[in-house]
Amino acid sequence: MNASQYTSFGATPPGGGGENTLDATIVLPCYNEQEHVLDEIKRISGAMDASGMSYELLVIDDKSTDDTLKVLEEALPQFPNMRLMPFRRNGGSGTARRIGTREAYGRIVVWTDADMTYPNERIPEFIQYLHDNPDTDQVVGARTSEQGTHKFLRVPAKFVIRKIAELLAGTKIPDLNSGLRAFRRDVSLPYLRLLPPGFSCVTTITMSFLSNQHPVDYLAIDYAKRAGVSKFHFVKDAYRYILQVLRMVMYFNPIKVLMPLALTMFVAGAAKGIVDVIRYDFRVTSNAMLVLVTSLIIGSMALLADLIVRSRDDR
């Protein structure tokens, strides 16, 4: 999606009008949220107004098929710190967050949802946390409960995905795909091009920061049952989450994924070869040779990929 496909409307917040001119930008993607989006805007604006911070609320309508855009346009005059960006075609929540972050005026960018699930009245606390902890680049709202649809499937699936991510990232991750987070915009810019268009964008920004040694902290939050109809598709989006975890680690640290596989196959092939020598009068079977050769190929790919990663300028 290029600049010709979206335009922002609304008054420029006091002190805003350019990059890093405000304390924070809250990016709020909306898709078919007509029944409750105004309540969410009131909750966020009320909390931010009380905080005394300079901010803008960048609301992005992702080509809603209901009256969400009409509700937002009618609300625009009531909220001087609100900026509306309607998309001409549906791009997905990841696209909305990527463009919103790139177009933000705030030094700190906050991502959240418009479905009433996250405690958005706590957004000033997340922004203040980054102000008080200059050595932290991102703070994530770690949910203490699961209220989504397909709960009996989501809980074990998300646990497995999170454990895989922790193993690959080498650190504990209390919540991998929380939709409420705040991060330093300047730190995020090199990674925006990696964001996929869908829900797994939140996983991507977490793994991008962790894989590139940007400190990420967590604040415990309550998580409410969403308002409206969920856009989450269990099988498709779970698959995308796993794919994004592997993609991010491969992008930043491929040797961590490939080398353990290569070494495991090499040990298995060598053990099979020793057994073959003993059983078949110093002859090695083709299966053992195939495993050994495959392990060497994967190991070579790991070293080559690591060399390519280390030669990039964006690490």
C-alpha atoms as a PDB file:
ATOM      1  CA  MET A   1       0.000   0.000   0.000  1.00  0.00           C
ATOM      2  CA  ASN A   2       1.562   3.309  -1.069  1.00  0.00           C
ATOM      3  CA  ALA A   3       0.960   6.914  -0.089  1.00  0.00           C
ATOM      4  CA  SER A   4      -1.657   7.425  -2.833  1.00  0.00           C
ATOM      5  CA  GLN A   5      -3.908   4.851  -1.180  1.00  0.00           C
ATOM      6  CA  TYR A   6      -4.362   6.606   2.171  1.00  0.00           C
ATOM      7  CA  THR A   7      -4.769  10.183   3.399  1.00  0.00           C
ATOM      8  CA  SER A   8      -4.995  11.383   6.984  1.00  0.00           C
ATOM      9  CA  PHE A   9      -7.599  13.847   8.241  1.00  0.00           C
ATOM     10  CA  GLY A  10      -7.921  15.834  11.428  1.00  0.00           C
ATOM     11  CA  ALA A  11      -6.232  18.719  13.143  1.00  0.00           C
ATOM     12  CA  THR A  12      -2.542  18.449  13.917  1.00  0.00           C
ATOM     13  CA  PRO A  13      -2.134  18.021  17.690  1.00  0.00           C
ATOM     14  CA  PRO A  14      -0.428  20.910  19.519  1.00  0.00           C
ATOM     15  CA  GLY A  15       3.324  20.520  19.087  1.00  0.00           C
ATOM     16  CA  GLY A  16       2.811  17.926  16.359  1.00  0.00           C
ATOM     17  CA  GLY A  17       3.261  18.070  12.640  1.00  0.00           C
ATOM     18  CA  GLY A  18       6.445  16.082  12.155  1.00  0.00           C
ATOM     19  CA  GLU A  19       8.495  13.133  13.320  1.00  0.00           C
ATOM     20  CA  ASN A  20       9.406  13.039  17.027  1.00  0.00           C
ATOM     21  CA  THR A  21       7.423  16.193  17.847  1.00  0.00           C
ATOM     22  CA  LEU A  22       5.064  14.491  20.305  1.00  0.00           C
ATOM     23  CA  ASP A  23       5.561  12.264  23.313  1.00  0.00           C
ATOM     24  CA  ALA A  24       3.489   9.469  21.805  1.00  0.00           C
ATOM     25  CA  THR A  25       1.352   8.239  18.940  1.00  0.00           C
ATOM     26  CA  ILE A  26      -1.357   5.672  19.659  1.00  0.00           C
ATOM     27  CA  VAL A  27      -2.020   3.633  16.505  1.00  0.00           C
ATOM     28  CA  LEU A  28      -5.556   2.236  16.530  1.00  0.00           C
ATOM     29  CA  PRO A  29      -6.503   0.012  13.562  1.00  0.00           C
ATOM     30  CA  CYS A  30     -10.251  -0.404  13.038  1.00  0.00           C
ATOM     31  CA  TYR A  31     -12.170  -2.878  10.927  1.00  0.00           C
ATOM     32  CA  ASN A  32     -15.936  -3.179  11.381  1.00  0.00           C
ATOM     33  CA  GLU A  33     -15.959  -1.761  14.922  1.00  0.00           C
ATOM     34  CA  GLN A  34     -18.918   0.636  14.568  1.00  0.00           C
ATOM     35  CA  GLU A  35     -20.657  -0.438  17.773  1.00  0.00           C
ATOM     36  CA  HIS A  36     -17.826   0.322  20.197  1.00  0.00           C
ATOM     37  CA  VAL A  37     -15.035   2.265  18.495  1.00  0.00           C
ATOM     38  CA  LEU A  38     -16.296   5.576  19.878  1.00  0.00           C
ATOM     39  CA  ASP A  39     -16.175   4.195  23.432  1.00  0.00           C
ATOM     40  CA  GLU A  40     -12.600   3.081  22.830  1.00  0.00           C
ATOM     41  CA  ILE A  41     -11.596   6.499  21.498  1.00  0.00           C
ATOM     42  CA  LYS A  42     -13.166   8.193  24.542  1.00  0.00           C
ATOM     43  CA  ARG A  43     -11.337   5.833  26.905  1.00  0.00           C
ATOM     44  CA  ILE A  44      -7.940   6.377  25.262  1.00  0.00           C
ATOM     45  CA  SER A  45      -8.364  10.148  24.855  1.00  0.00           C
ATOM     46  CA  GLY A  46      -9.541  10.570  28.435  1.00  0.00           C
ATOM     47  CA  ALA A  47      -6.553   8.708  29.837  1.00  0.00           C
ATOM     48  CA  MET A  48      -4.046  10.545  27.646  1.00  0.00           C
ATOM     49  CA  ASP A  49      -5.582  13.986  28.333  1.00  0.00           C
ATOM     50  CA  ALA A  50      -5.314  13.335  32.068  1.00  0.00           C
ATOM     51  CA  SER A  51      -1.671  12.301  31.735  1.00  0.00           C
ATOM     52  CA  GLY A  52      -0.502  15.693  30.481  1.00  0.00           C
ATOM     53  CA  MET A  53       1.573  14.074  27.723  1.00  0.00           C
ATOM     54  CA  SER A  54       1.551  15.406  24.170  1.00  0.00           C
ATOM     55  CA  TYR A  55       0.046  12.801  21.900  1.00  0.00           C
ATOM     56  CA  GLU A  56      -1.959  11.960  18.828  1.00  0.00           C
ATOM     57  CA  LEU A  57      -4.495   9.186  18.393  1.00  0.00           C
ATOM     58  CA  LEU A  58      -3.951   7.885  14.867  1.00  0.00           C
ATOM     59  CA  VAL A  59      -7.101   5.949  13.980  1.00  0.00           C
ATOM     60  CA  ILE A  60      -6.854   3.836  10.824  1.00  0.00           C
ATOM     61  CA  ASP A  61      -9.999   2.540   9.175  1.00  0.00           C
ATOM     62  CA  ASP A  62      -8.998  -0.588   7.257  1.00  0.00           C
ATOM     63  CA  LYS A  63     -11.755  -0.267   4.625  1.00  0.00           C
ATOM     64  CA  SER A  64     -14.545  -1.310   6.975  1.00  0.00           C
ATOM     65  CA  THR A  65     -17.689  -2.705   5.380  1.00  0.00           C
ATOM     66  CA  ASP A  66     -19.986  -1.308   8.073  1.00  0.00           C
ATOM     67  CA  ASP A  67     -20.425   2.287   9.294  1.00  0.00           C
ATOM     68  CA  THR A  68     -17.142   2.457  11.226  1.00  0.00           C
ATOM     69  CA  LEU A  69     -15.698   5.151   8.954  1.00  0.00           C
ATOM     70  CA  LYS A  70     -18.863   7.252   9.251  1.00  0.00           C
ATOM     71  CA  VAL A  71     -18.710   7.027  13.044  1.00  0.00           C
ATOM     72  CA  LEU A  72     -15.054   8.069  12.997  1.00  0.00           C
ATOM     73  CA  GLU A  73     -15.652  11.008  10.650  1.00  0.00           C
ATOM     74  CA  GLU A  74     -18.485  12.289  12.848  1.00  0.00           C
ATOM     75  CA  ALA A  75     -16.318  11.939  15.966  1.00  0.00           C
ATOM     76  CA  LEU A  76     -13.309  13.717  14.485  1.00  0.00           C
ATOM     77  CA  PRO A  77     -14.314  17.290  15.525  1.00  0.00           C
ATOM     78  CA  GLN A  78     -14.817  16.156  19.145  1.00  0.00           C
ATOM     79  CA  PHE A  79     -11.234  14.943  19.609  1.00  0.00           C
ATOM     80  CA  PRO A  80      -8.549  17.538  18.781  1.00  0.00           C
ATOM     81  CA  ASN A  81      -5.758  14.987  19.194  1.00  0.00           C
ATOM     82  CA  MET A  82      -7.293  12.468  16.834  1.00  0.00           C
ATOM     83  CA  ARG A  83      -6.021  11.908  13.290  1.00  0.00           C
ATOM     84  CA  LEU A  84      -8.046   9.717  10.935  1.00  0.00           C
ATOM     85  CA  MET A  85      -6.464   7.695   8.155  1.00  0.00           C
ATOM     86  CA  PRO A  86      -8.997   5.753   6.030  1.00  0.00           C
ATOM     87  CA  PHE A  87      -7.573   3.100   3.705  1.00  0.00           C
ATOM     88  CA  ARG A  88      -8.965   2.795   0.184  1.00  0.00           C
ATOM     89  CA  ARG A  89      -8.642  -0.997   0.344  1.00  0.00           C
ATOM     90  CA  ASN A  90      -8.325  -3.533   3.118  1.00  0.00           C
ATOM     91  CA  GLY A  91      -4.678  -4.135   4.002  1.00  0.00           C
ATOM     92  CA  GLY A  92      -4.825  -6.055   7.287  1.00  0.00           C
ATOM     93  CA  SER A  93      -3.941  -5.029  10.824  1.00  0.00           C
ATOM     94  CA  GLY A  94      -0.209  -5.469  10.180  1.00  0.00           C
ATOM     95  CA  THR A  95      -0.326  -3.081   7.237  1.00  0.00           C
ATOM     96  CA  ALA A  96      -2.262  -0.553   9.313  1.00  0.00           C
ATOM     97  CA  ARG A  97       0.244  -0.745  12.160  1.00  0.00           C
ATOM     98  CA  ARG A  98       3.228  -0.529   9.810  1.00  0.00           C
ATOM     99  CA  ILE A  99       1.929   2.562   8.011  1.00  0.00           C
ATOM    100  CA  GLY A 100       0.705   4.122  11.251  1.00  0.00           C
ATOM    101  CA  THR A 101       4.134   3.687  12.861  1.00  0.00           C
ATOM    102  CA  ARG A 102       5.906   5.124   9.846  1.00  0.00           C
ATOM    103  CA  GLU A 103       3.563   8.140   9.721  1.00  0.00           C
ATOM    104  CA  ALA A 104       3.581   8.727  13.502  1.00  0.00           C
ATOM    105  CA  TYR A 105       4.591  12.056  15.027  1.00  0.00           C
ATOM    106  CA  GLY A 106       5.338  10.558  18.445  1.00  0.00           C
ATOM    107  CA  ARG A 107       8.713   9.483  19.787  1.00  0.00           C
ATOM    108  CA  ILE A 108       6.964   6.497  21.342  1.00  0.00           C
ATOM    109  CA  VAL A 109       4.419   4.458  19.396  1.00  0.00           C
ATOM    110  CA  VAL A 110       1.653   2.494  21.101  1.00  0.00           C
ATOM    111  CA  TRP A 111      -0.176  -0.357  19.395  1.00  0.00           C
ATOM    112  CA  THR A 112      -3.554  -1.461  20.679  1.00  0.00           C
ATOM    113  CA  ASP A 113      -6.902  -2.782  19.433  1.00  0.00           C
ATOM    114  CA  ALA A 114     -10.324  -1.177  19.167  1.00  0.00           C
ATOM    115  CA  ASP A 115     -12.320  -4.188  20.362  1.00  0.00           C
ATOM    116  CA  MET A 116     -12.449  -3.290  24.080  1.00  0.00           C
ATOM    117  CA  THR A 117     -10.225  -6.243  25.083  1.00  0.00           C
ATOM    118  CA  TYR A 118      -7.182  -4.324  26.310  1.00  0.00           C
ATOM    119  CA  PRO A 119      -7.061  -1.927  29.306  1.00  0.00           C
ATOM    120  CA  ASN A 120      -6.354   1.115  27.148  1.00  0.00           C
ATOM    121  CA  GLU A 121      -6.809   3.431  30.112  1.00  0.00           C
ATOM    122  CA  ARG A 122      -3.325   2.187  31.119  1.00  0.00           C
ATOM    123  CA  ILE A 123      -1.633   3.426  27.945  1.00  0.00           C
ATOM    124  CA  PRO A 124      -0.032   6.420  29.760  1.00  0.00           C
ATOM    125  CA  GLU A 125       1.569   3.908  32.162  1.00  0.00           C
ATOM    126  CA  PHE A 126       3.246   2.123  29.241  1.00  0.00           C
ATOM    127  CA  ILE A 127       4.548   5.387  27.798  1.00  0.00           C
ATOM    128  CA  GLN A 128       5.792   6.543  31.196  1.00  0.00           C
ATOM    129  CA  TYR A 129       7.549   3.203  31.673  1.00  0.00           C
ATOM    130  CA  LEU A 130       9.704   3.871  28.610  1.00  0.00           C
ATOM    131  CA  HIS A 131      10.391   7.410  29.816  1.00  0.00           C
ATOM    132  CA  ASP A 132      11.500   6.080  33.205  1.00  0.00           C
ATOM    133  CA  ASN A 133      13.544   3.200  31.756  1.00  0.00           C
ATOM    134  CA  PRO A 134      15.739   4.549  28.943  1.00  0.00           C
ATOM    135  CA  ASP A 135      17.482   1.175  28.632  1.00  0.00           C
ATOM    136  CA  THR A 136      14.197  -0.499  27.576  1.00  0.00           C
ATOM    137  CA  ASP A 137      13.076  -0.218  23.946  1.00  0.00           C
ATOM    138  CA  GLN A 138       9.692  -1.938  24.142  1.00  0.00           C
ATOM    139  CA  VAL A 139       7.166  -2.718  26.859  1.00  0.00           C
ATOM    140  CA  VAL A 140       4.459  -5.317  26.225  1.00  0.00           C
ATOM    141  CA  GLY A 141       1.188  -5.920  28.043  1.00  0.00           C
ATOM    142  CA  ALA A 142       1.383  -9.542  29.229  1.00  0.00           C
ATOM    143  CA  ARG A 143      -2.156 -10.917  29.491  1.00  0.00           C
ATOM    144  CA  THR A 144      -3.054 -12.821  32.642  1.00  0.00           C
ATOM    145  CA  SER A 145      -5.961 -14.709  31.042  1.00  0.00           C
ATOM    146  CA  GLU A 146      -7.242 -15.918  27.665  1.00  0.00           C
ATOM    147  CA  GLN A 147     -10.673 -14.648  26.629  1.00  0.00           C
ATOM    148  CA  GLY A 148     -10.575 -15.282  22.883  1.00  0.00           C
ATOM    149  CA  THR A 149     -12.653 -17.643  20.789  1.00  0.00           C
ATOM    150  CA  HIS A 150     -11.628 -21.331  20.495  1.00  0.00           C
ATOM    151  CA  LYS A 151     -10.074 -21.030  23.941  1.00  0.00           C
ATOM    152  CA  PHE A 152      -9.568 -24.778  24.364  1.00  0.00           C
ATOM    153  CA  LEU A 153      -7.427 -24.748  21.212  1.00  0.00           C
ATOM    154  CA  ARG A 154      -5.808 -21.328  21.534  1.00  0.00           C
ATOM    155  CA  VAL A 155      -4.313 -21.822  24.998  1.00  0.00           C
ATOM    156  CA  PRO A 156      -2.215 -24.942  24.234  1.00  0.00           C
ATOM    157  CA  ALA A 157      -1.341 -23.720  20.728  1.00  0.00           C
ATOM    158  CA  LYS A 158      -0.125 -20.337  21.972  1.00  0.00           C
ATOM    159  CA  PHE A 159       1.819 -22.038  24.764  1.00  0.00           C
ATOM    160  CA  VAL A 160       3.671 -24.236  22.268  1.00  0.00           C
ATOM    161  CA  ILE A 161       4.372 -21.319  19.905  1.00  0.00           C
ATOM    162  CA  ARG A 162       5.615 -19.185  22.808  1.00  0.00           C
ATOM    163  CA  LYS A 163       7.938 -21.946  24.037  1.00  0.00           C
ATOM    164  CA  ILE A 164       9.374 -22.330  20.526  1.00  0.00           C
ATOM    165  CA  ALA A 165       9.933 -18.574  20.397  1.00  0.00           C
ATOM    166  CA  GLU A 166      11.612 -18.585  23.825  1.00  0.00           C
ATOM    167  CA  LEU A 167      13.926 -21.397  22.732  1.00  0.00           C
ATOM    168  CA  LEU A 168      14.900 -19.609  19.538  1.00  0.00           C
ATOM    169  CA  ALA A 169      15.150 -16.133  21.097  1.00  0.00           C
ATOM    170  CA  GLY A 170      17.006 -17.406  24.166  1.00  0.00           C
ATOM    171  CA  THR A 171      14.856 -15.470  26.638  1.00  0.00           C
ATOM    172  CA  LYS A 172      11.570 -15.780  28.541  1.00  0.00           C
ATOM    173  CA  ILE A 173       8.564 -14.291  26.732  1.00  0.00           C
ATOM    174  CA  PRO A 174       5.486 -13.948  28.988  1.00  0.00           C
ATOM    175  CA  ASP A 175       3.235 -12.934  26.067  1.00  0.00           C
ATOM    176  CA  LEU A 176       4.384 -13.286  22.462  1.00  0.00           C
ATOM    177  CA  ASN A 177       1.422 -11.820  20.607  1.00  0.00           C
ATOM    178  CA  SER A 178      -0.185  -9.251  22.882  1.00  0.00           C
ATOM    179  CA  GLY A 179      -1.858  -6.452  20.956  1.00  0.00           C
ATOM    180  CA  LEU A 180      -1.011  -3.796  23.571  1.00  0.00           C
ATOM    181  CA  ARG A 181       2.573  -2.555  23.495  1.00  0.00           C
ATOM    182  CA  ALA A 182       4.642   0.627  23.417  1.00  0.00           C
ATOM    183  CA  PHE A 183       8.045   1.010  21.776  1.00  0.00           C
ATOM    184  CA  ARG A 184      10.520   3.627  20.637  1.00  0.00           C
ATOM    185  CA  ARG A 185       9.657   4.589  17.082  1.00  0.00           C
ATOM    186  CA  ASP A 186      13.236   5.214  15.950  1.00  0.00           C
ATOM    187  CA  VAL A 187      14.270   1.724  17.082  1.00  0.00           C
ATOM    188  CA  SER A 188      11.388   0.103  15.203  1.00  0.00           C
ATOM    189  CA  LEU A 189      11.931   1.762  11.811  1.00  0.00           C
ATOM    190  CA  PRO A 190      14.435  -0.796  10.380  1.00  0.00           C
ATOM    191  CA  TYR A 191      11.985  -3.611  11.138  1.00  0.00           C
ATOM    192  CA  LEU A 192       8.755  -2.147   9.747  1.00  0.00           C
ATOM    193  CA  ARG A 193       9.364  -3.658   6.316  1.00  0.00           C
ATOM    194  CA  LEU A 194       9.339  -7.114   7.952  1.00  0.00           C
ATOM    195  CA  LEU A 195       5.800  -6.771   9.294  1.00  0.00           C
ATOM    196  CA  PRO A 196       3.289  -9.122   7.642  1.00  0.00           C
ATOM    197  CA  PRO A 197      -0.184  -7.778   6.822  1.00  0.00           C
ATOM    198  CA  GLY A 198      -2.057  -9.922   9.367  1.00  0.00           C
ATOM    199  CA  PHE A 199      -2.249 -10.517  13.130  1.00  0.00           C
ATOM    200  CA  SER A 200       1.263 -12.013  13.320  1.00  0.00           C
ATOM    201  CA  CYS A 201       2.705  -8.494  13.024  1.00  0.00           C
ATOM    202  CA  VAL A 202       2.732  -8.335  16.846  1.00  0.00           C
ATOM    203  CA  THR A 203       4.815 -11.519  16.982  1.00  0.00           C
ATOM    204  CA  THR A 204       7.148 -10.057  14.372  1.00  0.00           C
ATOM    205  CA  ILE A 205       7.850  -6.827  16.256  1.00  0.00           C
ATOM    206  CA  THR A 206       8.520  -8.790  19.457  1.00  0.00           C
ATOM    207  CA  MET A 207      10.915 -11.221  17.774  1.00  0.00           C
ATOM    208  CA  SER A 208      12.599  -8.421  15.800  1.00  0.00           C
ATOM    209  CA  PHE A 209      13.467  -6.546  18.988  1.00  0.00           C
ATOM    210  CA  LEU A 210      14.541  -9.643  20.929  1.00  0.00           C
ATOM    211  CA  SER A 211      16.587 -11.113  18.072  1.00  0.00           C
ATOM    212  CA  ASN A 212      18.481  -7.868  17.623  1.00  0.00           C
ATOM    213  CA  GLN A 213      19.239  -7.347  21.329  1.00  0.00           C
ATOM    214  CA  HIS A 214      16.710  -4.567  21.988  1.00  0.00           C
ATOM    215  CA  PRO A 215      15.476  -4.929  25.593  1.00  0.00           C
ATOM    216  CA  VAL A 216      11.796  -5.818  25.957  1.00  0.00           C
ATOM    217  CA  ASP A 217       9.978  -5.626  29.306  1.00  0.00           C
ATOM    218  CA  TYR A 218       6.479  -6.777  30.272  1.00  0.00           C
ATOM    219  CA  LEU A 219       3.647  -5.370  32.381  1.00  0.00           C
ATOM    220  CA  ALA A 220       0.839  -7.652  33.545  1.00  0.00           C
ATOM    221  CA  ILE A 221      -2.589  -6.640  32.194  1.00  0.00           C
ATOM    222  CA  ASP A 222      -6.150  -7.897  32.375  1.00  0.00           C
ATOM    223  CA  TYR A 223      -7.728  -9.067  29.147  1.00  0.00           C
ATOM    224  CA  ALA A 224     -11.476  -8.755  28.542  1.00  0.00           C
ATOM    225  CA  LYS A 225     -13.797 -10.563  26.188  1.00  0.00           C
ATOM    226  CA  ARG A 226     -13.832  -8.758  22.867  1.00  0.00           C
ATOM    227  CA  ALA A 227     -16.737  -6.684  21.635  1.00  0.00           C
ATOM    228  CA  GLY A 228     -18.101  -7.610  18.230  1.00  0.00           C
ATOM    229  CA  VAL A 229     -16.996 -10.518  16.034  1.00  0.00           C
ATOM    230  CA  SER A 230     -13.434 -11.845  16.154  1.00  0.00           C
ATOM    231  CA  LYS A 231     -11.379 -11.665  12.952  1.00  0.00           C
ATOM    232  CA  PHE A 232      -8.965 -14.311  14.247  1.00  0.00           C
ATOM    233  CA  HIS A 233      -8.899 -17.595  12.303  1.00  0.00           C
ATOM    234  CA  PHE A 234      -7.395 -20.281  14.510  1.00  0.00           C
ATOM    235  CA  VAL A 235      -5.674 -22.617  12.034  1.00  0.00           C
ATOM    236  CA  LYS A 236      -4.563 -19.989   9.533  1.00  0.00           C
ATOM    237  CA  ASP A 237      -3.329 -17.463  12.079  1.00  0.00           C
ATOM    238  CA  ALA A 238      -1.651 -20.072  14.334  1.00  0.00           C
ATOM    239  CA  TYR A 239       0.276 -21.299  11.302  1.00  0.00           C
ATOM    240  CA  ARG A 240       1.300 -17.736  10.494  1.00  0.00           C
ATOM    241  CA  TYR A 241       2.494 -17.157  14.071  1.00  0.00           C
ATOM    242  CA  ILE A 242       4.776 -20.199  13.933  1.00  0.00           C
ATOM    243  CA  LEU A 243       6.027 -19.208  10.491  1.00  0.00           C
ATOM    244  CA  GLN A 244       6.813 -15.678  11.647  1.00  0.00           C
ATOM    245  CA  VAL A 245       8.753 -16.883  14.701  1.00  0.00           C
ATOM    246  CA  LEU A 246      10.951 -19.081  12.505  1.00  0.00           C
ATOM    247  CA  ARG A 247      11.273 -16.360   9.876  1.00  0.00           C
ATOM    248  CA  MET A 248      12.395 -13.744  12.376  1.00  0.00           C
ATOM    249  CA  VAL A 249      15.014 -15.974  13.977  1.00  0.00           C
ATOM    250  CA  MET A 250      16.227 -17.073  10.540  1.00  0.00           C
ATOM    251  CA  TYR A 251      16.452 -13.421   9.532  1.00  0.00           C
ATOM    252  CA  PHE A 252      18.537 -12.384  12.530  1.00  0.00           C
ATOM    253  CA  ASN A 253      20.180 -15.604  13.771  1.00  0.00           C
ATOM    254  CA  PRO A 254      19.827 -18.441  11.236  1.00  0.00           C
ATOM    255  CA  ILE A 255      22.607 -20.527  12.747  1.00  0.00           C
ATOM    256  CA  LYS A 256      20.443 -20.984  15.851  1.00  0.00           C
ATOM    257  CA  VAL A 257      17.785 -22.765  13.778  1.00  0.00           C
ATOM    258  CA  LEU A 258      19.881 -24.680  11.278  1.00  0.00           C
ATOM    259  CA  MET A 259      23.008 -25.714  13.170  1.00  0.00           C
ATOM    260  CA  PRO A 260      21.267 -27.801  15.892  1.00  0.00           C
ATOM    261  CA  LEU A 261      19.451 -29.684  13.119  1.00  0.00           C
ATOM    262  CA  ALA A 262      22.717 -30.227  11.228  1.00  0.00           C
ATOM    263  CA  LEU A 263      24.578 -31.448  14.323  1.00  0.00           C
ATOM    264  CA  THR A 264      21.722 -33.775  15.327  1.00  0.00           C
ATOM    265  CA  MET A 265      21.645 -35.334  11.869  1.00  0.00           C
ATOM    266  CA  PHE A 266      25.444 -35.627  11.811  1.00  0.00           C
ATOM    267  CA  VAL A 267      25.490 -37.475  15.149  1.00  0.00           C
ATOM    268  CA  ALA A 268      22.640 -39.754  14.010  1.00  0.00           C
ATOM    269  CA  GLY A 269      24.376 -40.455  10.709  1.00  0.00           C
ATOM    270  CA  ALA A 270      27.721 -41.119  12.385  1.00  0.00           C
ATOM    271  CA  ALA A 271      26.106 -43.486  14.886  1.00  0.00           C
ATOM    272  CA  LYS A 272      24.332 -45.322  12.087  1.00  0.00           C
ATOM    273  CA  GLY A 273      27.623 -45.534  10.197  1.00  0.00           C
ATOM    274  CA  ILE A 274      29.411 -47.093  13.188  1.00  0.00           C
ATOM    275  CA  VAL A 275      26.624 -49.648  13.576  1.00  0.00           C
ATOM    276  CA  ASP A 276      26.847 -50.430   9.851  1.00  0.00           C
ATOM    277  CA  VAL A 277      30.613 -50.970  10.039  1.00  0.00           C
ATOM    278  CA  ILE A 278      30.157 -53.435  12.883  1.00  0.00           C
ATOM    279  CA  ARG A 279      27.169 -55.262  11.374  1.00  0.00           C
ATOM    280  CA  TYR A 280      28.109 -55.305   7.698  1.00  0.00           C
ATOM    281  CA  ASP A 281      31.858 -56.019   7.749  1.00  0.00           C
ATOM    282  CA  PHE A 282      33.155 -52.427   7.424  1.00  0.00           C
ATOM    283  CA  ARG A 283      30.513 -51.340   4.927  1.00  0.00           C
ATOM    284  CA  VAL A 284      28.344 -48.258   5.395  1.00  0.00           C
ATOM    285  CA  THR A 285      24.743 -48.210   4.144  1.00  0.00           C
ATOM    286  CA  SER A 286      23.434 -45.573   1.787  1.00  0.00           C
ATOM    287  CA  ASN A 287      21.003 -44.362   4.475  1.00  0.00           C
ATOM    288  CA  ALA A 288      23.851 -43.449   6.830  1.00  0.00           C
ATOM    289  CA  MET A 289      25.736 -41.690   4.029  1.00  0.00           C
ATOM    290  CA  LEU A 290      22.604 -39.774   3.008  1.00  0.00           C
ATOM    291  CA  VAL A 291      22.059 -38.512   6.564  1.00  0.00           C
ATOM    292  CA  LEU A 292      25.716 -37.485   6.902  1.00  0.00           C
ATOM    293  CA  VAL A 293      25.774 -35.643   3.567  1.00  0.00           C
ATOM    294  CA  THR A 294      22.467 -33.897   4.375  1.00  0.00           C
ATOM    295  CA  SER A 295      23.828 -32.764   7.748  1.00  0.00           C
ATOM    296  CA  LEU A 296      26.898 -31.286   6.044  1.00  0.00           C
ATOM    297  CA  ILE A 297      24.721 -29.456   3.516  1.00  0.00           C
ATOM    298  CA  ILE A 298      22.494 -27.986   6.241  1.00  0.00           C
ATOM    299  CA  GLY A 299      25.556 -27.041   8.315  1.00  0.00           C
ATOM    300  CA  SER A 300      27.077 -25.295   5.299  1.00  0.00           C
ATOM    301  CA  MET A 301      23.798 -23.443   4.713  1.00  0.00           C
ATOM    302  CA  ALA A 302      23.781 -22.360   8.378  1.00  0.00           C
ATOM    303  CA  LEU A 303      27.286 -20.925   8.141  1.00  0.00           C
ATOM    304  CA  LEU A 304      26.540 -19.207   4.822  1.00  0.00           C
ATOM    305  CA  ALA A 305      23.279 -17.732   6.121  1.00  0.00           C
ATOM    306  CA  ASP A 306      25.039 -16.502   9.261  1.00  0.00           C
ATOM    307  CA  LEU A 307      27.701 -14.841   7.104  1.00  0.00           C
ATOM    308  CA  ILE A 308      25.020 -13.092   5.035  1.00  0.00           C
ATOM    309  CA  VAL A 309      23.200 -11.885   8.154  1.00  0.00           C
ATOM    310  CA  ARG A 310      26.371 -10.498   9.691  1.00  0.00           C
ATOM    311  CA  SER A 311      27.218  -8.614   6.492  1.00  0.00           C
ATOM    312  CA  ARG A 312      23.887  -6.722   6.442  1.00  0.00           C
ATOM    313  CA  ASP A 313      23.751  -3.072   7.447  1.00  0.00           C
ATOM    314  CA  ASP A 314      20.390  -3.247   9.278  1.00  0.00           C
ATOM    315  CA  ARG A 315      21.475  -5.436  12.206  1.00  0.00           C
END
